[in-house]
Amino acid sequence: MIKWFEKMRETKAILMMQRHLATTVSTVEDLERTVKAVVRHNEKESKECIERVISAEKEADSLRRAAMTELAKGELPPADREDLMNLMKCIDMVADWSQESTRVLCATPMEEVPENLKQALVKMVEGVKECAMALRRCINRMAEKPEEALQAADEVERLEEKVDDLFENSRRLIAREERMRVGTAILMNALFEAIEMVADRCEDACDQVRVIVVRR
């Protein structure tokens, strides 16, 4: 197992994957900033954050393609190569859903949203950011301290469960809300769902880390 991880560290693909991960986490951080800016009705800041999310998501796609190319021509065995490719795909989905969340957010008339739903949205996106940060710890420790990577994966799972609870609470709030137009309620539900998907994809990535560590 030690030899396998040493070989991993020698590949350019691993360095690219770490850059890919850092870029992906930045999309989640800017998603949180976007939500908070929109809730505060700070249009200038929200536009700047959205632009950063879009830019980071494009960069993440580029890094994923470059890392995939590097893996394809590398010396790792096919099974190892496939495991790492699957991990990068999971990481990439975190960035994809972060961008999708900002798209739905832009379409939602936040001035029509009650304060209790806004605060639920803020709590949920804060929880998602915690998931992304734990994911980064998990993957960064995978090669050098796999036992710590597994512990971090467990932390991601616990955080994702908290996000699930917040998501269910948000649905109950929407169901009880009588002041919003139906269209706004539908968009808010879609927004909560998109943000919840970010946490789900973080959990998927950590499950793939478990696969990689346990197989070796």
N, C-alpha and C. Protein backbone atom coordinates (compact mmCIF):
# COMPACT_ATOMS: atom_id res chain seq x y z
N MET A 1 0.83 -1.20 0.00
CA MET A 1 0.00 0.00 0.00
C MET A 1 0.87 1.25 0.00
N ILE A 2 1.92 1.25 0.82
CA ILE A 2 2.82 2.41 0.88
C ILE A 2 3.46 2.65 -0.47
N LYS A 3 3.90 1.58 -1.13
CA LYS A 3 4.51 1.72 -2.44
C LYS A 3 3.53 2.30 -3.45
N TRP A 4 2.27 1.87 -3.34
CA TRP A 4 1.27 2.37 -4.28
C TRP A 4 1.07 3.86 -4.11
N PHE A 5 0.97 4.32 -2.86
CA PHE A 5 0.79 5.75 -2.63
C PHE A 5 2.03 6.55 -3.02
N GLU A 6 3.21 5.97 -2.83
CA GLU A 6 4.43 6.65 -3.28
C GLU A 6 4.40 6.84 -4.79
N LYS A 7 3.95 5.82 -5.49
CA LYS A 7 3.84 5.93 -6.94
C LYS A 7 2.82 6.98 -7.33
N MET A 8 1.73 7.05 -6.58
CA MET A 8 0.73 8.08 -6.83
C MET A 8 1.33 9.47 -6.73
N ARG A 9 2.13 9.68 -5.70
CA ARG A 9 2.67 11.02 -5.48
C ARG A 9 3.63 11.43 -6.59
N GLU A 10 4.15 10.47 -7.29
CA GLU A 10 5.11 10.79 -8.35
C GLU A 10 4.44 11.18 -9.66
N THR A 11 3.15 11.05 -9.75
CA THR A 11 2.46 11.36 -11.00
C THR A 11 1.99 12.80 -11.03
N LYS A 12 2.07 13.40 -12.21
CA LYS A 12 1.56 14.76 -12.39
C LYS A 12 0.06 14.81 -12.16
N ALA A 13 -0.60 13.71 -12.45
CA ALA A 13 -2.05 13.68 -12.32
C ALA A 13 -2.50 13.99 -10.90
N ILE A 14 -1.73 13.54 -9.91
CA ILE A 14 -2.11 13.79 -8.52
C ILE A 14 -2.02 15.27 -8.20
N LEU A 15 -0.98 15.92 -8.68
CA LEU A 15 -0.85 17.37 -8.49
C LEU A 15 -1.98 18.11 -9.17
N MET A 16 -2.33 17.65 -10.37
CA MET A 16 -3.44 18.28 -11.09
C MET A 16 -4.76 18.07 -10.36
N MET A 17 -4.92 16.88 -9.77
CA MET A 17 -6.14 16.60 -9.03
C MET A 17 -6.26 17.50 -7.81
N GLN A 18 -5.15 17.77 -7.16
CA GLN A 18 -5.18 18.66 -6.00
C GLN A 18 -5.53 20.09 -6.40
N ARG A 19 -5.01 20.52 -7.55
CA ARG A 19 -5.40 21.84 -8.08
C ARG A 19 -6.87 21.85 -8.44
N HIS A 20 -7.31 20.77 -9.05
CA HIS A 20 -8.72 20.64 -9.42
C HIS A 20 -9.60 20.72 -8.17
N LEU A 21 -9.18 20.05 -7.12
CA LEU A 21 -9.92 20.06 -5.86
C LEU A 21 -9.98 21.46 -5.27
N ALA A 22 -8.84 22.15 -5.24
CA ALA A 22 -8.80 23.50 -4.68
C ALA A 22 -9.73 24.44 -5.44
N THR A 23 -9.74 24.31 -6.76
CA THR A 23 -10.61 25.15 -7.59
C THR A 23 -12.07 24.82 -7.32
N THR A 24 -12.37 23.55 -7.16
CA THR A 24 -13.74 23.13 -6.88
C THR A 24 -14.22 23.67 -5.55
N VAL A 25 -13.38 23.58 -4.53
CA VAL A 25 -13.76 24.10 -3.21
C VAL A 25 -14.02 25.60 -3.29
N SER A 26 -13.25 26.30 -4.12
CA SER A 26 -13.46 27.75 -4.26
C SER A 26 -14.84 28.06 -4.84
N THR A 27 -15.37 27.17 -5.70
CA THR A 27 -16.71 27.40 -6.24
C THR A 27 -17.75 27.32 -5.12
N VAL A 28 -17.54 26.39 -4.18
CA VAL A 28 -18.48 26.26 -3.06
C VAL A 28 -18.37 27.47 -2.14
N GLU A 29 -17.16 27.93 -1.89
CA GLU A 29 -16.97 29.11 -1.04
C GLU A 29 -17.64 30.33 -1.66
N ASP A 30 -17.51 30.47 -2.98
CA ASP A 30 -18.14 31.61 -3.63
C ASP A 30 -19.65 31.44 -3.75
N LEU A 31 -20.12 30.21 -3.79
CA LEU A 31 -21.57 29.98 -3.73
C LEU A 31 -22.11 30.50 -2.41
N GLU A 32 -21.42 30.21 -1.33
CA GLU A 32 -21.85 30.71 -0.01
C GLU A 32 -21.85 32.24 0.00
N ARG A 33 -20.80 32.83 -0.53
CA ARG A 33 -20.73 34.30 -0.57
C ARG A 33 -21.86 34.88 -1.43
N THR A 34 -22.18 34.19 -2.52
CA THR A 34 -23.25 34.66 -3.39
C THR A 34 -24.58 34.67 -2.66
N VAL A 35 -24.89 33.56 -2.00
CA VAL A 35 -26.16 33.46 -1.26
C VAL A 35 -26.26 34.57 -0.22
N LYS A 36 -25.21 34.77 0.53
CA LYS A 36 -25.25 35.79 1.59
C LYS A 36 -25.38 37.19 1.00
N ALA A 37 -24.72 37.43 -0.14
CA ALA A 37 -24.83 38.73 -0.79
C ALA A 37 -26.24 38.97 -1.31
N VAL A 38 -26.85 37.94 -1.88
CA VAL A 38 -28.21 38.07 -2.40
C VAL A 38 -29.19 38.31 -1.26
N VAL A 39 -29.02 37.60 -0.16
CA VAL A 39 -29.90 37.77 1.00
C VAL A 39 -29.78 39.20 1.54
N ARG A 40 -28.57 39.77 1.47
CA ARG A 40 -28.37 41.16 1.92
C ARG A 40 -28.76 42.17 0.84
N HIS A 41 -29.18 41.67 -0.32
CA HIS A 41 -29.55 42.52 -1.46
C HIS A 41 -28.36 43.34 -1.95
N ASN A 42 -27.17 42.75 -1.85
CA ASN A 42 -25.96 43.40 -2.34
C ASN A 42 -25.72 42.91 -3.77
N GLU A 43 -26.28 43.62 -4.73
CA GLU A 43 -26.24 43.18 -6.12
C GLU A 43 -24.83 43.15 -6.69
N LYS A 44 -24.03 44.16 -6.35
CA LYS A 44 -22.67 44.23 -6.88
C LYS A 44 -21.84 43.04 -6.43
N GLU A 45 -21.88 42.75 -5.13
CA GLU A 45 -21.10 41.63 -4.60
C GLU A 45 -21.59 40.30 -5.15
N SER A 46 -22.90 40.15 -5.25
CA SER A 46 -23.44 38.88 -5.75
C SER A 46 -23.02 38.63 -7.19
N LYS A 47 -23.02 39.66 -8.02
CA LYS A 47 -22.58 39.49 -9.41
C LYS A 47 -21.11 39.09 -9.48
N GLU A 48 -20.29 39.72 -8.64
CA GLU A 48 -18.86 39.38 -8.62
C GLU A 48 -18.65 37.93 -8.20
N CYS A 49 -19.40 37.49 -7.19
CA CYS A 49 -19.27 36.10 -6.72
C CYS A 49 -19.73 35.11 -7.78
N ILE A 50 -20.82 35.43 -8.45
CA ILE A 50 -21.34 34.55 -9.50
C ILE A 50 -20.33 34.42 -10.63
N GLU A 51 -19.71 35.51 -10.99
CA GLU A 51 -18.69 35.47 -12.04
C GLU A 51 -17.52 34.59 -11.63
N ARG A 52 -17.15 34.63 -10.35
CA ARG A 52 -16.06 33.78 -9.88
C ARG A 52 -16.46 32.31 -9.90
N VAL A 53 -17.71 32.02 -9.56
CA VAL A 53 -18.18 30.63 -9.61
C VAL A 53 -18.11 30.11 -11.04
N ILE A 54 -18.58 30.91 -11.98
CA ILE A 54 -18.56 30.49 -13.40
C ILE A 54 -17.13 30.28 -13.88
N SER A 55 -16.26 31.20 -13.52
CA SER A 55 -14.86 31.09 -13.93
C SER A 55 -14.19 29.87 -13.31
N ALA A 56 -14.43 29.65 -12.03
CA ALA A 56 -13.80 28.52 -11.34
C ALA A 56 -14.32 27.19 -11.88
N GLU A 57 -15.62 27.14 -12.22
CA GLU A 57 -16.18 25.90 -12.75
C GLU A 57 -15.55 25.56 -14.10
N LYS A 58 -15.33 26.58 -14.92
CA LYS A 58 -14.68 26.36 -16.21
C LYS A 58 -13.23 25.89 -16.01
N GLU A 59 -12.55 26.51 -15.04
CA GLU A 59 -11.17 26.11 -14.75
C GLU A 59 -11.13 24.68 -14.24
N ALA A 60 -12.11 24.31 -13.39
CA ALA A 60 -12.17 22.94 -12.87
C ALA A 60 -12.34 21.94 -14.01
N ASP A 61 -13.18 22.28 -14.98
CA ASP A 61 -13.37 21.40 -16.13
C ASP A 61 -12.06 21.22 -16.89
N SER A 62 -11.35 22.32 -17.08
CA SER A 62 -10.08 22.26 -17.81
C SER A 62 -9.05 21.42 -17.07
N LEU A 63 -8.97 21.59 -15.76
CA LEU A 63 -8.03 20.82 -14.95
C LEU A 63 -8.38 19.34 -14.95
N ARG A 64 -9.68 19.05 -14.92
CA ARG A 64 -10.10 17.64 -14.95
C ARG A 64 -9.68 16.99 -16.27
N ARG A 65 -9.90 17.69 -17.37
CA ARG A 65 -9.52 17.12 -18.66
C ARG A 65 -8.01 16.91 -18.75
N ALA A 66 -7.24 17.87 -18.24
CA ALA A 66 -5.79 17.75 -18.28
C ALA A 66 -5.31 16.58 -17.42
N ALA A 67 -5.92 16.43 -16.25
CA ALA A 67 -5.54 15.33 -15.36
C ALA A 67 -5.92 13.98 -15.96
N MET A 68 -7.08 13.93 -16.62
CA MET A 68 -7.49 12.69 -17.27
C MET A 68 -6.50 12.30 -18.36
N THR A 69 -6.05 13.29 -19.12
CA THR A 69 -5.07 13.03 -20.18
C THR A 69 -3.78 12.52 -19.59
N GLU A 70 -3.36 13.11 -18.48
CA GLU A 70 -2.13 12.70 -17.82
C GLU A 70 -2.25 11.27 -17.29
N LEU A 71 -3.40 10.95 -16.73
CA LEU A 71 -3.62 9.60 -16.23
C LEU A 71 -3.61 8.58 -17.37
N ALA A 72 -4.19 8.96 -18.49
CA ALA A 72 -4.29 8.03 -19.63
C ALA A 72 -2.93 7.63 -20.16
N LYS A 73 -1.96 8.53 -20.06
CA LYS A 73 -0.63 8.21 -20.58
C LYS A 73 0.36 7.85 -19.47
N GLY A 74 -0.14 7.75 -18.23
CA GLY A 74 0.74 7.45 -17.10
C GLY A 74 1.03 5.97 -16.98
N GLU A 75 1.75 5.62 -15.91
CA GLU A 75 2.19 4.25 -15.70
C GLU A 75 1.36 3.50 -14.68
N LEU A 76 0.32 4.12 -14.17
CA LEU A 76 -0.50 3.44 -13.18
C LEU A 76 -1.26 2.27 -13.82
N PRO A 77 -1.49 1.20 -13.06
CA PRO A 77 -2.30 0.08 -13.57
C PRO A 77 -3.71 0.57 -13.92
N PRO A 78 -4.39 -0.11 -14.84
CA PRO A 78 -5.72 0.32 -15.27
C PRO A 78 -6.72 0.51 -14.14
N ALA A 79 -6.72 -0.40 -13.15
CA ALA A 79 -7.68 -0.29 -12.04
C ALA A 79 -7.42 0.97 -11.22
N ASP A 80 -6.14 1.28 -10.97
CA ASP A 80 -5.79 2.49 -10.22
C ASP A 80 -6.18 3.73 -11.00
N ARG A 81 -5.92 3.70 -12.29
CA ARG A 81 -6.26 4.82 -13.15
C ARG A 81 -7.77 5.07 -13.14
N GLU A 82 -8.53 4.01 -13.22
CA GLU A 82 -9.99 4.15 -13.24
C GLU A 82 -10.50 4.72 -11.91
N ASP A 83 -9.92 4.26 -10.80
CA ASP A 83 -10.34 4.77 -9.49
C ASP A 83 -10.11 6.27 -9.39
N LEU A 84 -8.95 6.73 -9.84
CA LEU A 84 -8.63 8.15 -9.75
C LEU A 84 -9.50 8.97 -10.70
N MET A 85 -9.77 8.42 -11.87
CA MET A 85 -10.66 9.12 -12.81
C MET A 85 -12.06 9.27 -12.23
N ASN A 86 -12.54 8.22 -11.59
CA ASN A 86 -13.87 8.29 -10.96
C ASN A 86 -13.89 9.32 -9.84
N LEU A 87 -12.79 9.41 -9.10
CA LEU A 87 -12.72 10.41 -8.03
C LEU A 87 -12.79 11.82 -8.61
N MET A 88 -12.05 12.06 -9.69
CA MET A 88 -12.07 13.39 -10.29
C MET A 88 -13.44 13.75 -10.86
N LYS A 89 -14.14 12.76 -11.38
CA LYS A 89 -15.49 13.00 -11.87
C LYS A 89 -16.42 13.42 -10.73
N CYS A 90 -16.27 12.75 -9.59
CA CYS A 90 -17.07 13.11 -8.42
C CYS A 90 -16.77 14.53 -7.96
N ILE A 91 -15.49 14.86 -7.91
CA ILE A 91 -15.10 16.21 -7.50
C ILE A 91 -15.67 17.24 -8.46
N ASP A 92 -15.62 16.94 -9.75
CA ASP A 92 -16.10 17.88 -10.76
C ASP A 92 -17.59 18.16 -10.61
N MET A 93 -18.34 17.16 -10.17
CA MET A 93 -19.77 17.35 -9.98
C MET A 93 -20.08 18.33 -8.85
N VAL A 94 -19.17 18.45 -7.90
CA VAL A 94 -19.34 19.44 -6.83
C VAL A 94 -19.33 20.85 -7.44
N ALA A 95 -18.39 21.10 -8.34
CA ALA A 95 -18.33 22.40 -9.01
C ALA A 95 -19.54 22.61 -9.92
N ASP A 96 -19.95 21.57 -10.62
CA ASP A 96 -21.10 21.68 -11.52
C ASP A 96 -22.37 22.08 -10.77
N TRP A 97 -22.61 21.45 -9.63
CA TRP A 97 -23.82 21.76 -8.88
C TRP A 97 -23.72 23.11 -8.16
N SER A 98 -22.51 23.54 -7.86
CA SER A 98 -22.34 24.89 -7.30
C SER A 98 -22.77 25.92 -8.32
N GLN A 99 -22.35 25.72 -9.57
CA GLN A 99 -22.75 26.65 -10.62
C GLN A 99 -24.26 26.58 -10.87
N GLU A 100 -24.80 25.37 -10.88
CA GLU A 100 -26.24 25.23 -11.08
C GLU A 100 -27.02 25.95 -9.98
N SER A 101 -26.51 25.89 -8.76
CA SER A 101 -27.16 26.58 -7.64
C SER A 101 -27.21 28.09 -7.88
N THR A 102 -26.12 28.64 -8.40
CA THR A 102 -26.12 30.09 -8.67
C THR A 102 -27.09 30.43 -9.80
N ARG A 103 -27.25 29.54 -10.76
CA ARG A 103 -28.20 29.79 -11.84
C ARG A 103 -29.63 29.88 -11.32
N VAL A 104 -29.99 28.93 -10.46
CA VAL A 104 -31.34 28.95 -9.88
C VAL A 104 -31.50 30.16 -8.99
N LEU A 105 -30.46 30.49 -8.25
CA LEU A 105 -30.50 31.65 -7.36
C LEU A 105 -30.77 32.93 -8.14
N CYS A 106 -30.13 33.06 -9.30
CA CYS A 106 -30.31 34.25 -10.13
C CYS A 106 -31.75 34.38 -10.63
N ALA A 107 -32.41 33.25 -10.81
CA ALA A 107 -33.79 33.26 -11.33
C ALA A 107 -34.83 33.46 -10.24
N THR A 108 -34.40 33.40 -8.98
CA THR A 108 -35.34 33.48 -7.86
C THR A 108 -35.52 34.93 -7.39
N PRO A 109 -36.75 35.43 -7.37
CA PRO A 109 -37.00 36.81 -6.87
C PRO A 109 -36.88 36.84 -5.34
N MET A 110 -35.68 37.06 -4.87
CA MET A 110 -35.42 36.94 -3.43
C MET A 110 -36.19 37.98 -2.62
N GLU A 111 -36.61 39.07 -3.25
CA GLU A 111 -37.37 40.08 -2.51
C GLU A 111 -38.73 39.53 -2.09
N GLU A 112 -39.18 38.46 -2.72
CA GLU A 112 -40.47 37.85 -2.36
C GLU A 112 -40.32 36.74 -1.32
N VAL A 113 -39.10 36.41 -0.97
CA VAL A 113 -38.85 35.27 -0.08
C VAL A 113 -38.88 35.74 1.38
N PRO A 114 -39.65 35.08 2.24
CA PRO A 114 -39.71 35.45 3.66
C PRO A 114 -38.36 35.27 4.35
N GLU A 115 -38.18 35.99 5.42
CA GLU A 115 -36.90 35.99 6.13
C GLU A 115 -36.53 34.61 6.67
N ASN A 116 -37.52 33.84 7.14
CA ASN A 116 -37.19 32.53 7.71
C ASN A 116 -36.61 31.59 6.64
N LEU A 117 -37.07 31.71 5.40
CA LEU A 117 -36.52 30.89 4.32
C LEU A 117 -35.14 31.37 3.92
N LYS A 118 -34.94 32.66 3.97
CA LYS A 118 -33.60 33.20 3.67
C LYS A 118 -32.57 32.69 4.67
N GLN A 119 -32.95 32.70 5.94
CA GLN A 119 -32.02 32.23 6.97
C GLN A 119 -31.79 30.73 6.84
N ALA A 120 -32.82 29.98 6.46
CA ALA A 120 -32.65 28.55 6.23
C ALA A 120 -31.69 28.30 5.08
N LEU A 121 -31.77 29.15 4.06
CA LEU A 121 -30.88 29.04 2.90
C LEU A 121 -29.43 29.31 3.31
N VAL A 122 -29.23 30.32 4.14
CA VAL A 122 -27.88 30.66 4.60
C VAL A 122 -27.29 29.51 5.41
N LYS A 123 -28.07 28.96 6.33
CA LYS A 123 -27.58 27.84 7.15
C LYS A 123 -27.22 26.64 6.28
N MET A 124 -28.02 26.39 5.26
CA MET A 124 -27.78 25.23 4.42
C MET A 124 -26.50 25.40 3.61
N VAL A 125 -26.28 26.59 3.06
CA VAL A 125 -25.09 26.79 2.24
C VAL A 125 -23.84 26.81 3.12
N GLU A 126 -23.97 27.25 4.36
CA GLU A 126 -22.84 27.16 5.29
C GLU A 126 -22.50 25.70 5.56
N GLY A 127 -23.51 24.87 5.72
CA GLY A 127 -23.27 23.45 5.93
C GLY A 127 -22.62 22.79 4.74
N VAL A 128 -23.01 23.20 3.55
CA VAL A 128 -22.41 22.65 2.32
C VAL A 128 -20.94 23.04 2.23
N LYS A 129 -20.62 24.27 2.61
CA LYS A 129 -19.21 24.68 2.58
C LYS A 129 -18.38 23.84 3.55
N GLU A 130 -18.93 23.53 4.70
CA GLU A 130 -18.22 22.66 5.65
C GLU A 130 -17.96 21.30 5.03
N CYS A 131 -18.93 20.78 4.27
CA CYS A 131 -18.74 19.49 3.56
C CYS A 131 -17.56 19.59 2.60
N ALA A 132 -17.51 20.67 1.83
CA ALA A 132 -16.45 20.84 0.84
C ALA A 132 -15.09 20.96 1.50
N MET A 133 -15.02 21.66 2.62
CA MET A 133 -13.74 21.79 3.32
C MET A 133 -13.28 20.44 3.87
N ALA A 134 -14.21 19.66 4.39
CA ALA A 134 -13.87 18.33 4.89
C ALA A 134 -13.44 17.42 3.74
N LEU A 135 -14.08 17.58 2.58
CA LEU A 135 -13.68 16.81 1.40
C LEU A 135 -12.24 17.12 1.02
N ARG A 136 -11.88 18.38 1.07
CA ARG A 136 -10.50 18.75 0.74
C ARG A 136 -9.51 18.10 1.71
N ARG A 137 -9.84 18.11 2.99
CA ARG A 137 -8.96 17.45 3.97
C ARG A 137 -8.85 15.96 3.67
N CYS A 138 -9.97 15.36 3.31
CA CYS A 138 -10.01 13.93 3.03
C CYS A 138 -9.07 13.57 1.88
N ILE A 139 -9.19 14.28 0.78
CA ILE A 139 -8.42 13.93 -0.41
C ILE A 139 -6.96 14.31 -0.25
N ASN A 140 -6.68 15.42 0.39
CA ASN A 140 -5.29 15.83 0.56
C ASN A 140 -4.51 14.88 1.47
N ARG A 141 -5.21 14.14 2.34
CA ARG A 141 -4.54 13.20 3.23
C ARG A 141 -4.54 11.78 2.68
N MET A 142 -5.19 11.58 1.57
CA MET A 142 -5.35 10.24 1.02
C MET A 142 -4.01 9.56 0.75
N ALA A 143 -3.06 10.28 0.18
CA ALA A 143 -1.80 9.67 -0.22
C ALA A 143 -0.84 9.48 0.97
N GLU A 144 -0.81 10.47 1.86
CA GLU A 144 0.19 10.43 2.93
C GLU A 144 -0.32 9.78 4.21
N LYS A 145 -1.58 10.03 4.55
CA LYS A 145 -2.13 9.49 5.79
C LYS A 145 -3.53 8.94 5.51
N PRO A 146 -3.60 7.76 4.87
CA PRO A 146 -4.90 7.22 4.48
C PRO A 146 -5.86 7.01 5.64
N GLU A 147 -5.35 6.70 6.84
CA GLU A 147 -6.25 6.50 7.98
C GLU A 147 -6.96 7.81 8.34
N GLU A 148 -6.24 8.94 8.19
CA GLU A 148 -6.86 10.24 8.44
C GLU A 148 -7.84 10.60 7.33
N ALA A 149 -7.55 10.14 6.12
CA ALA A 149 -8.47 10.37 5.01
C ALA A 149 -9.81 9.68 5.28
N LEU A 150 -9.75 8.47 5.82
CA LEU A 150 -10.98 7.75 6.14
C LEU A 150 -11.77 8.46 7.25
N GLN A 151 -11.05 9.01 8.22
CA GLN A 151 -11.72 9.77 9.28
C GLN A 151 -12.39 11.01 8.72
N ALA A 152 -11.70 11.69 7.80
CA ALA A 152 -12.27 12.88 7.17
C ALA A 152 -13.48 12.51 6.31
N ALA A 153 -13.43 11.34 5.68
CA ALA A 153 -14.57 10.87 4.90
C ALA A 153 -15.79 10.67 5.80
N ASP A 154 -15.56 10.14 6.98
CA ASP A 154 -16.66 9.97 7.94
C ASP A 154 -17.23 11.33 8.35
N GLU A 155 -16.34 12.32 8.47
CA GLU A 155 -16.79 13.66 8.83
C GLU A 155 -17.66 14.25 7.73
N VAL A 156 -17.26 14.05 6.48
CA VAL A 156 -18.06 14.52 5.35
C VAL A 156 -19.46 13.91 5.40
N GLU A 157 -19.51 12.63 5.70
CA GLU A 157 -20.80 11.93 5.76
C GLU A 157 -21.68 12.53 6.86
N ARG A 158 -21.09 12.83 8.02
CA ARG A 158 -21.87 13.42 9.11
C ARG A 158 -22.38 14.81 8.72
N LEU A 159 -21.52 15.58 8.07
CA LEU A 159 -21.92 16.92 7.65
C LEU A 159 -23.00 16.88 6.58
N GLU A 160 -22.88 15.90 5.68
CA GLU A 160 -23.90 15.76 4.63
C GLU A 160 -25.25 15.41 5.24
N GLU A 161 -25.26 14.61 6.28
CA GLU A 161 -26.51 14.25 6.96
C GLU A 161 -27.14 15.49 7.60
N LYS A 162 -26.31 16.39 8.12
CA LYS A 162 -26.83 17.64 8.68
C LYS A 162 -27.46 18.49 7.59
N VAL A 163 -26.81 18.53 6.43
CA VAL A 163 -27.38 19.28 5.30
C VAL A 163 -28.71 18.66 4.88
N ASP A 164 -28.80 17.34 4.89
CA ASP A 164 -30.07 16.67 4.57
C ASP A 164 -31.17 17.11 5.53
N ASP A 165 -30.84 17.20 6.82
CA ASP A 165 -31.83 17.64 7.81
C ASP A 165 -32.28 19.08 7.54
N LEU A 166 -31.32 19.94 7.18
CA LEU A 166 -31.66 21.32 6.86
C LEU A 166 -32.53 21.39 5.61
N PHE A 167 -32.26 20.51 4.67
CA PHE A 167 -33.04 20.46 3.44
C PHE A 167 -34.49 20.07 3.74
N GLU A 168 -34.67 19.06 4.58
CA GLU A 168 -36.03 18.64 4.94
C GLU A 168 -36.76 19.76 5.68
N ASN A 169 -36.03 20.46 6.53
CA ASN A 169 -36.64 21.58 7.26
C ASN A 169 -37.07 22.67 6.29
N SER A 170 -36.26 22.94 5.28
CA SER A 170 -36.59 23.98 4.30
C SER A 170 -37.86 23.61 3.54
N ARG A 171 -38.02 22.34 3.23
CA ARG A 171 -39.23 21.90 2.54
C ARG A 171 -40.47 22.13 3.40
N ARG A 172 -40.34 21.85 4.68
CA ARG A 172 -41.48 22.08 5.58
C ARG A 172 -41.83 23.56 5.65
N LEU A 173 -40.79 24.40 5.66
CA LEU A 173 -41.03 25.85 5.70
C LEU A 173 -41.74 26.32 4.44
N ILE A 174 -41.32 25.79 3.29
CA ILE A 174 -41.96 26.17 2.03
C ILE A 174 -43.41 25.72 2.02
N ALA A 175 -43.65 24.51 2.49
CA ALA A 175 -45.01 23.96 2.50
C ALA A 175 -45.96 24.79 3.37
N ARG A 176 -45.43 25.36 4.46
CA ARG A 176 -46.27 26.14 5.38
C ARG A 176 -46.43 27.59 4.94
N GLU A 177 -45.62 28.01 3.96
CA GLU A 177 -45.61 29.41 3.56
C GLU A 177 -46.78 29.73 2.63
N GLU A 178 -47.56 30.73 3.02
CA GLU A 178 -48.72 31.12 2.23
C GLU A 178 -48.54 32.47 1.54
N ARG A 179 -47.45 33.15 1.85
CA ARG A 179 -47.28 34.51 1.31
C ARG A 179 -46.58 34.53 -0.05
N MET A 180 -45.85 33.48 -0.37
CA MET A 180 -45.10 33.46 -1.64
C MET A 180 -45.98 33.05 -2.80
N ARG A 181 -45.65 33.59 -3.97
CA ARG A 181 -46.28 33.09 -5.19
C ARG A 181 -45.82 31.66 -5.44
N VAL A 182 -46.63 30.91 -6.15
CA VAL A 182 -46.30 29.51 -6.42
C VAL A 182 -44.98 29.41 -7.18
N GLY A 183 -44.78 30.28 -8.17
CA GLY A 183 -43.55 30.25 -8.95
C GLY A 183 -42.31 30.46 -8.10
N THR A 184 -42.40 31.38 -7.15
CA THR A 184 -41.27 31.64 -6.25
C THR A 184 -41.01 30.44 -5.35
N ALA A 185 -42.09 29.83 -4.87
CA ALA A 185 -41.94 28.64 -4.02
C ALA A 185 -41.26 27.50 -4.78
N ILE A 186 -41.63 27.33 -6.04
CA ILE A 186 -41.02 26.28 -6.87
C ILE A 186 -39.53 26.55 -7.06
N LEU A 187 -39.18 27.79 -7.32
CA LEU A 187 -37.77 28.15 -7.51
C LEU A 187 -36.99 27.96 -6.22
N MET A 188 -37.57 28.32 -5.09
CA MET A 188 -36.87 28.14 -3.82
C MET A 188 -36.63 26.66 -3.54
N ASN A 189 -37.62 25.83 -3.83
CA ASN A 189 -37.43 24.40 -3.63
C ASN A 189 -36.31 23.88 -4.54
N ALA A 190 -36.29 24.35 -5.79
CA ALA A 190 -35.24 23.94 -6.73
C ALA A 190 -33.87 24.41 -6.24
N LEU A 191 -33.83 25.59 -5.64
CA LEU A 191 -32.57 26.13 -5.13
C LEU A 191 -32.05 25.28 -3.96
N PHE A 192 -32.93 24.96 -3.03
CA PHE A 192 -32.53 24.10 -1.91
C PHE A 192 -32.05 22.73 -2.42
N GLU A 193 -32.74 22.20 -3.42
CA GLU A 193 -32.36 20.90 -3.98
C GLU A 193 -30.97 20.96 -4.61
N ALA A 194 -30.70 22.04 -5.38
CA ALA A 194 -29.41 22.17 -6.05
C ALA A 194 -28.28 22.28 -5.03
N ILE A 195 -28.50 23.04 -3.97
CA ILE A 195 -27.48 23.18 -2.93
C ILE A 195 -27.27 21.85 -2.20
N GLU A 196 -28.36 21.14 -1.97
CA GLU A 196 -28.24 19.82 -1.32
C GLU A 196 -27.44 18.86 -2.18
N MET A 197 -27.55 18.99 -3.51
CA MET A 197 -26.80 18.13 -4.41
C MET A 197 -25.30 18.37 -4.30
N VAL A 198 -24.88 19.57 -3.95
CA VAL A 198 -23.46 19.85 -3.75
C VAL A 198 -22.93 18.97 -2.62
N ALA A 199 -23.67 18.93 -1.52
CA ALA A 199 -23.26 18.09 -0.38
C ALA A 199 -23.27 16.61 -0.76
N ASP A 200 -24.28 16.19 -1.52
CA ASP A 200 -24.35 14.79 -1.95
C ASP A 200 -23.13 14.40 -2.77
N ARG A 201 -22.70 15.29 -3.66
CA ARG A 201 -21.55 14.99 -4.51
C ARG A 201 -20.26 14.97 -3.69
N CYS A 202 -20.19 15.78 -2.63
CA CYS A 202 -19.04 15.70 -1.72
C CYS A 202 -18.99 14.31 -1.08
N GLU A 203 -20.15 13.81 -0.68
CA GLU A 203 -20.20 12.49 -0.07
C GLU A 203 -19.80 11.42 -1.08
N ASP A 204 -20.24 11.57 -2.33
CA ASP A 204 -19.86 10.61 -3.38
C ASP A 204 -18.34 10.57 -3.55
N ALA A 205 -17.72 11.74 -3.54
CA ALA A 205 -16.26 11.80 -3.69
C ALA A 205 -15.57 11.09 -2.54
N CYS A 206 -16.07 11.29 -1.33
CA CYS A 206 -15.46 10.63 -0.17
C CYS A 206 -15.67 9.12 -0.21
N ASP A 207 -16.81 8.68 -0.73
CA ASP A 207 -17.02 7.25 -0.90
C ASP A 207 -15.98 6.66 -1.85
N GLN A 208 -15.63 7.43 -2.88
CA GLN A 208 -14.62 6.96 -3.82
C GLN A 208 -13.24 6.94 -3.16
N VAL A 209 -12.96 7.88 -2.28
CA VAL A 209 -11.71 7.84 -1.51
C VAL A 209 -11.65 6.57 -0.68
N ARG A 210 -12.76 6.20 -0.06
CA ARG A 210 -12.81 4.96 0.71
C ARG A 210 -12.47 3.76 -0.18
N VAL A 211 -13.03 3.74 -1.38
CA VAL A 211 -12.76 2.65 -2.32
C VAL A 211 -11.26 2.56 -2.59
N ILE A 212 -10.64 3.70 -2.88
CA ILE A 212 -9.22 3.73 -3.21
C ILE A 212 -8.37 3.26 -2.04
N VAL A 213 -8.67 3.76 -0.85
CA VAL A 213 -7.85 3.41 0.32
C VAL A 213 -8.03 1.94 0.71
N VAL A 214 -9.28 1.50 0.76
CA VAL A 214 -9.54 0.13 1.21
C VAL A 214 -9.00 -0.91 0.23
N ARG A 215 -9.11 -0.64 -1.05
CA ARG A 215 -8.60 -1.60 -2.05
C ARG A 215 -7.11 -1.79 -1.93
N ARG A 216 -6.40 -0.80 -1.46
CA ARG A 216 -4.94 -0.91 -1.35
C ARG A 216 -4.50 -1.37 0.01
